[in-house]
Protein backbone atom coordinates (compact mmCIF):
# COMPACT_ATOMS: atom_id res chain seq x y z
CA MET A 1 45.68 -138.87 27.37
CA SER A 2 48.62 -137.65 25.38
CA ARG A 3 52.25 -138.60 25.20
CA PHE A 4 53.00 -134.91 25.71
CA TRP A 5 51.47 -134.83 29.19
CA SER A 6 53.83 -134.46 32.11
CA ASP A 7 53.90 -137.12 34.82
CA ILE A 8 52.02 -134.88 37.23
CA VAL A 9 49.15 -134.38 34.76
CA HIS A 10 48.79 -138.15 34.44
CA ARG A 11 48.46 -138.41 38.22
CA LEU A 12 45.99 -135.56 38.73
CA VAL A 13 42.34 -136.07 39.64
CA PRO A 14 40.90 -132.60 38.92
CA TYR A 15 38.38 -130.90 41.18
CA VAL A 16 34.83 -131.17 39.84
CA PRO A 17 32.79 -127.97 40.32
CA GLY A 18 29.04 -127.94 40.75
CA GLU A 19 26.92 -128.02 37.62
CA GLN A 20 25.94 -124.72 36.03
CA PRO A 21 22.73 -125.71 34.22
CA ALA A 22 21.98 -123.99 30.91
CA LEU A 23 18.28 -123.52 31.67
CA ALA A 24 16.09 -120.43 31.74
CA HIS A 25 14.83 -120.72 35.32
CA PRO A 26 16.46 -123.55 37.28
CA VAL A 27 16.11 -123.84 41.03
CA LYS A 28 19.85 -123.85 41.54
CA LEU A 29 20.74 -125.09 45.02
CA ASN A 30 23.98 -126.91 44.20
CA THR A 31 26.88 -124.42 44.35
CA ASN A 32 26.29 -122.39 47.53
CA GLU A 33 25.80 -119.11 45.71
CA ASN A 34 23.97 -116.37 47.58
CA PRO A 35 20.32 -116.12 46.44
CA TYR A 36 20.32 -112.34 46.93
CA PRO A 37 22.11 -109.60 44.94
CA PRO A 38 25.20 -107.77 46.16
CA SER A 39 25.08 -104.34 47.75
CA PRO A 40 23.78 -101.59 45.44
CA ARG A 41 27.09 -99.86 46.10
CA VAL A 42 28.80 -102.62 44.13
CA LEU A 43 26.99 -101.73 40.92
CA GLU A 44 27.68 -98.05 41.48
CA ALA A 45 31.38 -98.78 41.99
CA ILE A 46 31.60 -100.87 38.81
CA ARG A 47 29.93 -98.14 36.76
CA ALA A 48 32.26 -95.52 38.23
CA GLU A 49 35.31 -97.64 37.51
CA LEU A 50 34.25 -98.22 33.91
CA GLY A 51 33.59 -94.57 33.15
CA GLU A 52 31.51 -93.51 30.18
CA GLN A 53 33.61 -95.33 27.59
CA GLY A 54 35.38 -97.94 29.68
CA GLU A 55 38.60 -95.99 29.37
CA SER A 56 40.08 -97.44 32.58
CA LEU A 57 40.14 -100.94 31.09
CA ARG A 58 43.11 -100.14 28.86
CA ARG A 59 45.35 -99.89 31.90
CA TYR A 60 46.53 -102.67 34.20
CA PRO A 61 44.90 -102.87 37.62
CA ASP A 62 46.67 -102.08 40.87
CA PRO A 63 48.87 -105.18 41.40
CA ILE A 64 48.66 -104.95 45.20
CA ALA A 65 44.98 -103.87 45.38
CA LYS A 66 45.91 -101.14 47.86
CA ARG A 67 42.46 -99.57 48.23
CA LEU A 68 40.74 -102.94 48.57
CA ARG A 69 43.22 -104.19 51.16
CA ALA A 70 42.73 -100.99 53.16
CA ALA A 71 38.94 -101.42 53.12
CA VAL A 72 39.14 -105.06 54.18
CA ALA A 73 41.70 -104.30 56.88
CA ALA A 74 39.47 -101.53 58.27
CA HIS A 75 36.48 -103.91 58.30
CA HIS A 76 38.37 -106.50 60.34
CA GLY A 77 40.34 -104.07 62.51
CA ILE A 78 43.74 -105.25 61.26
CA ARG A 79 46.59 -103.75 59.23
CA ALA A 80 46.77 -103.75 55.44
CA ASP A 81 50.04 -105.69 55.54
CA GLN A 82 48.11 -108.53 57.19
CA VAL A 83 45.85 -108.87 54.11
CA PHE A 84 46.53 -110.85 50.93
CA VAL A 85 44.23 -110.56 47.92
CA GLY A 86 43.77 -113.22 45.24
CA ASN A 87 41.54 -114.29 42.38
CA GLY A 88 38.96 -116.04 44.51
CA SER A 89 39.76 -117.97 47.68
CA ASP A 90 40.67 -121.00 45.56
CA GLU A 91 43.69 -119.15 44.20
CA VAL A 92 44.55 -117.95 47.70
CA LEU A 93 44.43 -121.55 48.93
CA ALA A 94 46.58 -122.69 46.02
CA HIS A 95 49.26 -120.15 46.96
CA ALA A 96 49.05 -121.26 50.59
CA PHE A 97 49.74 -124.86 49.58
CA GLN A 98 52.82 -123.74 47.66
CA ALA A 99 54.12 -121.10 50.05
CA LEU A 100 53.24 -122.42 53.51
CA LEU A 101 52.19 -126.09 53.46
CA LYS A 102 54.86 -127.76 51.31
CA HIS A 103 57.30 -129.23 53.84
CA ASP A 104 58.93 -132.56 54.67
CA LYS A 105 56.04 -133.68 56.87
CA PRO A 106 52.50 -134.39 55.67
CA ILE A 107 49.70 -131.90 56.21
CA PHE A 108 46.44 -132.95 57.88
CA PHE A 109 42.89 -132.23 56.78
CA PRO A 110 39.53 -133.99 57.30
CA ASP A 111 38.41 -137.00 55.31
CA ILE A 112 35.16 -135.17 54.53
CA THR A 113 35.95 -131.60 53.55
CA TYR A 114 36.48 -129.24 50.62
CA SER A 115 37.54 -131.54 47.80
CA PHE A 116 40.00 -129.01 46.37
CA TYR A 117 42.46 -129.78 49.20
CA PRO A 118 43.56 -133.19 47.90
CA THR A 119 43.62 -131.78 44.38
CA TYR A 120 46.03 -129.03 45.39
CA ALA A 121 48.10 -131.45 47.45
CA ARG A 122 48.57 -133.69 44.41
CA LEU A 123 49.21 -130.76 42.07
CA TYR A 124 51.93 -129.28 44.26
CA GLU A 125 53.18 -132.67 45.49
CA VAL A 126 52.36 -131.98 49.12
CA GLU A 127 52.13 -135.13 51.20
CA TYR A 128 48.89 -135.31 53.17
CA ARG A 129 46.84 -137.46 55.54
CA THR A 130 43.11 -137.34 55.98
CA VAL A 131 41.68 -137.35 59.50
CA PRO A 132 38.22 -138.90 59.96
CA LEU A 133 35.38 -136.74 61.22
CA ASP A 134 33.47 -138.18 64.16
CA GLU A 135 30.11 -139.93 63.80
CA GLN A 136 28.29 -136.57 63.92
CA PHE A 137 30.52 -135.22 61.11
CA ALA A 138 32.40 -132.94 63.51
CA ILE A 139 36.12 -132.16 63.51
CA ARG A 140 37.91 -133.36 66.65
CA ILE A 141 40.66 -130.90 67.48
CA ASP A 142 42.55 -133.50 69.52
CA ASP A 143 43.16 -135.42 66.28
CA TYR A 144 45.18 -132.48 64.93
CA LEU A 145 47.39 -131.85 67.94
CA PRO A 146 51.10 -132.74 67.76
CA GLN A 147 51.67 -136.36 68.71
CA GLU A 148 54.88 -138.30 69.09
CA GLY A 149 55.29 -140.61 66.14
CA ASN A 150 52.60 -138.83 64.11
CA PRO A 151 54.06 -135.43 63.14
CA HIS A 152 52.53 -133.11 60.57
CA GLY A 153 53.67 -130.13 58.54
CA GLY A 154 50.48 -128.11 58.77
CA VAL A 155 46.71 -128.23 59.14
CA ILE A 156 43.97 -126.97 56.88
CA PHE A 157 40.19 -127.21 57.09
CA PRO A 158 37.11 -125.03 56.61
CA ASN A 159 35.17 -123.61 59.51
CA PRO A 160 32.27 -124.14 59.02
CA ASN A 161 33.34 -127.35 57.34
CA ALA A 162 32.15 -128.15 53.83
CA PRO A 163 30.10 -130.01 52.79
CA THR A 164 28.77 -130.72 56.28
CA GLY A 165 28.19 -127.15 57.55
CA HIS A 166 29.40 -128.06 61.03
CA ALA A 167 31.26 -125.25 62.84
CA LEU A 168 33.79 -125.26 65.66
CA PRO A 169 33.76 -122.59 68.38
CA LEU A 170 36.60 -120.06 68.36
CA ALA A 171 38.03 -121.48 71.58
CA GLU A 172 38.65 -124.82 69.86
CA ILE A 173 40.31 -123.11 66.89
CA GLU A 174 42.60 -121.22 69.28
CA ARG A 175 43.46 -124.44 71.09
CA LEU A 176 44.51 -125.97 67.78
CA VAL A 177 46.60 -122.98 66.69
CA ALA A 178 48.30 -122.62 70.05
CA ALA A 179 49.26 -126.31 70.16
CA ASN A 180 50.71 -126.28 66.63
CA ALA A 181 53.14 -123.41 67.07
CA GLU A 182 55.74 -125.08 64.80
CA SER A 183 53.49 -125.37 61.73
CA VAL A 184 50.97 -123.29 59.82
CA VAL A 185 47.26 -123.69 60.51
CA VAL A 186 44.97 -122.55 57.69
CA ILE A 187 41.32 -121.93 58.58
CA ASP A 188 39.17 -121.60 55.47
CA GLU A 189 36.23 -119.36 56.47
CA ALA A 190 34.27 -119.21 53.22
CA TYR A 191 30.97 -119.56 55.12
CA VAL A 192 31.80 -117.85 58.41
CA ASP A 193 29.28 -115.01 58.01
CA PHE A 194 26.35 -117.41 58.26
CA GLY A 195 26.74 -118.22 61.95
CA ALA A 196 30.30 -119.19 62.87
CA GLU A 197 33.02 -117.35 64.81
CA SER A 198 35.89 -115.92 62.80
CA ALA A 199 39.51 -116.59 63.73
CA VAL A 200 40.71 -113.30 62.23
CA ALA A 201 40.69 -111.92 65.79
CA LEU A 202 43.52 -114.36 66.63
CA ILE A 203 46.08 -113.44 63.97
CA ASP A 204 47.91 -110.87 66.09
CA ARG A 205 48.52 -113.48 68.78
CA TYR A 206 49.52 -116.41 66.58
CA PRO A 207 52.11 -115.96 63.79
CA ASN A 208 51.31 -119.47 62.46
CA LEU A 209 47.62 -118.75 61.71
CA LEU A 210 46.30 -118.00 58.22
CA VAL A 211 42.58 -117.28 57.76
CA VAL A 212 41.05 -117.40 54.27
CA HIS A 213 37.90 -115.54 53.19
CA THR A 214 35.91 -115.06 49.99
CA THR A 215 33.40 -112.57 48.61
CA SER A 216 31.59 -115.35 46.74
CA LYS A 217 29.18 -116.37 49.50
CA SER A 218 27.93 -113.77 51.97
CA ARG A 219 28.77 -110.80 49.73
CA SER A 220 27.15 -112.28 46.59
CA LEU A 221 30.19 -111.80 44.34
CA ALA A 222 30.84 -115.34 43.10
CA GLY A 223 31.02 -113.94 39.57
CA MET A 224 33.83 -111.53 40.44
CA ARG A 225 36.32 -114.04 41.98
CA VAL A 226 37.83 -112.20 44.94
CA GLY A 227 39.41 -113.92 47.93
CA PHE A 228 41.61 -112.99 50.87
CA ALA A 229 44.06 -114.35 53.40
CA PHE A 230 44.67 -112.77 56.79
CA GLY A 231 47.71 -113.47 58.89
CA HIS A 232 51.08 -112.35 60.23
CA ALA A 233 52.94 -110.10 57.77
CA ASP A 234 55.55 -112.83 57.21
CA LEU A 235 52.87 -115.28 56.01
CA ILE A 236 51.38 -112.62 53.74
CA ASP A 237 54.84 -111.89 52.32
CA ALA A 238 55.23 -115.59 51.43
CA LEU A 239 51.92 -115.54 49.56
CA ASN A 240 52.92 -112.37 47.71
CA ARG A 241 56.22 -113.91 46.67
CA VAL A 242 54.38 -116.86 45.12
CA LYS A 243 51.75 -114.60 43.54
CA ASP A 244 54.37 -112.32 41.99
CA SER A 245 56.13 -115.37 40.56
CA PHE A 246 52.89 -116.57 38.99
CA ASN A 247 50.58 -113.63 38.16
CA SER A 248 51.37 -110.17 39.50
CA TYR A 249 47.99 -108.78 38.37
CA PRO A 250 45.50 -111.32 39.76
CA LEU A 251 42.50 -109.02 40.28
CA ASP A 252 41.05 -106.88 37.51
CA ARG A 253 39.86 -103.31 38.04
CA LEU A 254 36.17 -104.17 38.21
CA ALA A 255 36.70 -106.94 40.75
CA GLN A 256 38.72 -104.63 42.98
CA ALA A 257 36.11 -101.88 42.77
CA ALA A 258 33.23 -104.29 43.43
CA ALA A 259 34.86 -105.99 46.42
CA THR A 260 35.88 -102.66 47.96
CA ALA A 261 32.30 -101.41 47.76
CA ALA A 262 30.98 -104.65 49.20
CA TYR A 263 33.27 -104.38 52.23
CA GLU A 264 32.33 -100.76 52.76
CA ASP A 265 28.64 -101.71 53.10
CA ALA A 266 28.66 -103.71 56.32
CA GLU A 267 24.95 -103.18 56.90
CA TRP A 268 24.04 -104.92 53.62
CA LEU A 269 26.17 -107.91 54.62
CA LYS A 270 24.47 -108.10 58.00
CA THR A 271 20.96 -107.88 56.54
CA MET A 272 21.47 -110.40 53.73
CA SER A 273 23.28 -112.91 55.92
CA ALA A 274 20.42 -112.76 58.43
CA ARG A 275 17.95 -113.53 55.63
CA VAL A 276 19.96 -116.57 54.57
CA ILE A 277 20.22 -117.79 58.16
CA ALA A 278 16.46 -117.45 58.65
CA SER A 279 15.81 -119.38 55.43
CA ARG A 280 18.28 -122.08 56.49
CA GLU A 281 16.44 -122.66 59.77
CA ARG A 282 13.11 -122.70 57.94
CA LEU A 283 14.37 -125.23 55.38
CA THR A 284 15.97 -127.39 58.10
CA ALA A 285 12.62 -127.65 59.89
CA ALA A 286 10.82 -128.50 56.64
CA LEU A 287 13.34 -131.22 55.77
CA ALA A 288 13.10 -132.70 59.26
CA ALA A 289 9.32 -132.83 58.90
CA LEU A 290 9.84 -134.91 55.74
CA GLY A 291 11.99 -137.39 57.67
CA PHE A 292 15.45 -136.12 56.72
CA ASP A 293 18.37 -136.22 59.13
CA VAL A 294 19.99 -132.78 58.88
CA VAL A 295 23.47 -131.97 60.17
CA PRO A 296 23.44 -128.73 62.25
CA SER A 297 24.72 -126.05 59.89
CA ALA A 298 26.39 -122.66 60.32
CA ALA A 299 26.77 -122.20 56.55
CA ASN A 300 24.53 -121.22 53.64
CA PHE A 301 23.71 -124.86 52.95
CA VAL A 302 22.47 -127.93 54.77
CA PHE A 303 23.72 -131.51 54.63
CA ALA A 304 20.92 -134.03 54.82
CA ARG A 305 20.02 -137.68 54.28
CA HIS A 306 16.75 -139.56 54.18
CA PRO A 307 16.91 -142.97 55.89
CA ALA A 308 14.42 -144.53 53.47
CA HIS A 309 15.45 -143.00 50.12
CA GLY A 310 18.83 -142.96 48.34
CA ALA A 311 20.48 -139.60 47.82
CA ALA A 312 21.47 -140.33 44.21
CA GLU A 313 17.88 -141.19 43.32
CA ILE A 314 16.50 -138.10 45.03
CA SER A 315 19.05 -135.89 43.27
CA ALA A 316 18.19 -137.40 39.88
CA ARG A 317 14.44 -137.00 40.47
CA LEU A 318 14.92 -133.38 41.49
CA ARG A 319 17.01 -132.74 38.39
CA GLU A 320 14.10 -133.94 36.24
CA LYS A 321 12.13 -131.10 37.82
CA GLU A 322 14.99 -128.64 37.07
CA ILE A 323 15.93 -128.46 40.75
CA PHE A 324 19.67 -128.91 41.33
CA VAL A 325 21.31 -130.04 44.57
CA ARG A 326 24.78 -131.54 45.14
CA HIS A 327 25.35 -135.25 45.60
CA PHE A 328 28.87 -136.49 46.43
CA ASN A 329 29.43 -140.11 45.46
CA ALA A 330 32.12 -140.64 48.08
CA PRO A 331 32.62 -142.83 51.14
CA ARG A 332 30.58 -141.92 54.25
CA VAL A 333 28.58 -139.20 52.46
CA ASN A 334 27.12 -140.92 49.42
CA GLU A 335 23.68 -140.99 51.05
CA HIS A 336 23.73 -137.26 51.82
CA LEU A 337 22.71 -134.26 49.78
CA ARG A 338 24.21 -130.81 50.13
CA ILE A 339 21.47 -128.26 49.56
CA SER A 340 22.30 -124.59 49.15
CA ILE A 341 19.97 -122.07 50.76
CA GLY A 342 17.94 -120.27 48.13
CA THR A 343 15.17 -117.75 48.50
CA ASP A 344 12.18 -118.88 50.54
CA ALA A 345 10.30 -119.38 47.28
CA GLU A 346 13.06 -121.63 45.91
CA CYS A 347 13.21 -123.59 49.15
CA ASP A 348 9.43 -124.05 49.05
CA THR A 349 9.69 -125.37 45.49
CA LEU A 350 12.32 -127.84 46.67
CA VAL A 351 10.25 -129.01 49.64
CA ASP A 352 7.14 -129.46 47.47
CA ALA A 353 9.16 -131.53 45.00
CA LEU A 354 10.66 -133.65 47.77
CA ARG A 355 7.23 -134.26 49.26
CA SER A 356 6.07 -135.54 45.87
CA ILE A 357 9.18 -137.70 45.35
CA LEU A 358 9.11 -139.25 48.81
CA SER A 359 5.42 -140.12 48.57
């Protein structure tokens, strides 16, 4: 601590990202990265953008990412003015907290969810309340509906939820958005391409709905940091006003070129997502055979506990074997492990190690 810190810095509890081990060949199943490479078109686009001598890098990138927004809008069947682009979905979420969720009433989000939400709430001094998941780790929409004596200024949660992987059907998301017409509902769809229904189809009907996406998961571009928000043009304008007051050039030229190419190759997305889904079901069955309780997942990870072995011990034993999974030492989930879906070979290595540890 320093006497030069502001009061807000003293109060902050920063988000803790997953470990990035400095090892030659770790089995890295702790940060939900895609185990497969991005579309070959991405590499071609990066090379084209660089040119022979990287001459394009001396100029600033397009501040509104016009070509990228057009490609993403075409993919989703919406207008470009309904698309916001940011430096990863984390930045997009940060702008949403500032621009759309900071009101006199508290916002609601689950007690078990993406741990950046309380961090942003504290950073931007947004009052919030956490809403418990049910016993099966599912979100109950009725808990987020307007109630006399329990008002809120907005709702945010992932669908599928993280770290549980549980997904809500689109009809339930629409019920939530329709009932909360006086406040913004943010649906964070980082993992939607692995088996959930997207709410982007609802944005023309509901001016209070903001849907957030990322290229980090299904499009294998975690290293490029590109995220989006989709919503009514007025919501997008609010995000742009915050962005242009903070950093008017959030996405570099290479990131814009890479993300545009990734969105233009829909077949690659479909093929790679199907591979991840197949591996997830295969790993779920293998974990169940070892005695794990596995939460039904529509994401590129599974959330599992073993009734006879502590999660912290299993995680530590796996780490000794250079296999990395995520353990959250938090109420209700401290006996669970979040395991990212790797290649089938990586998943087999994990299962073999677990079999050895459990025996």
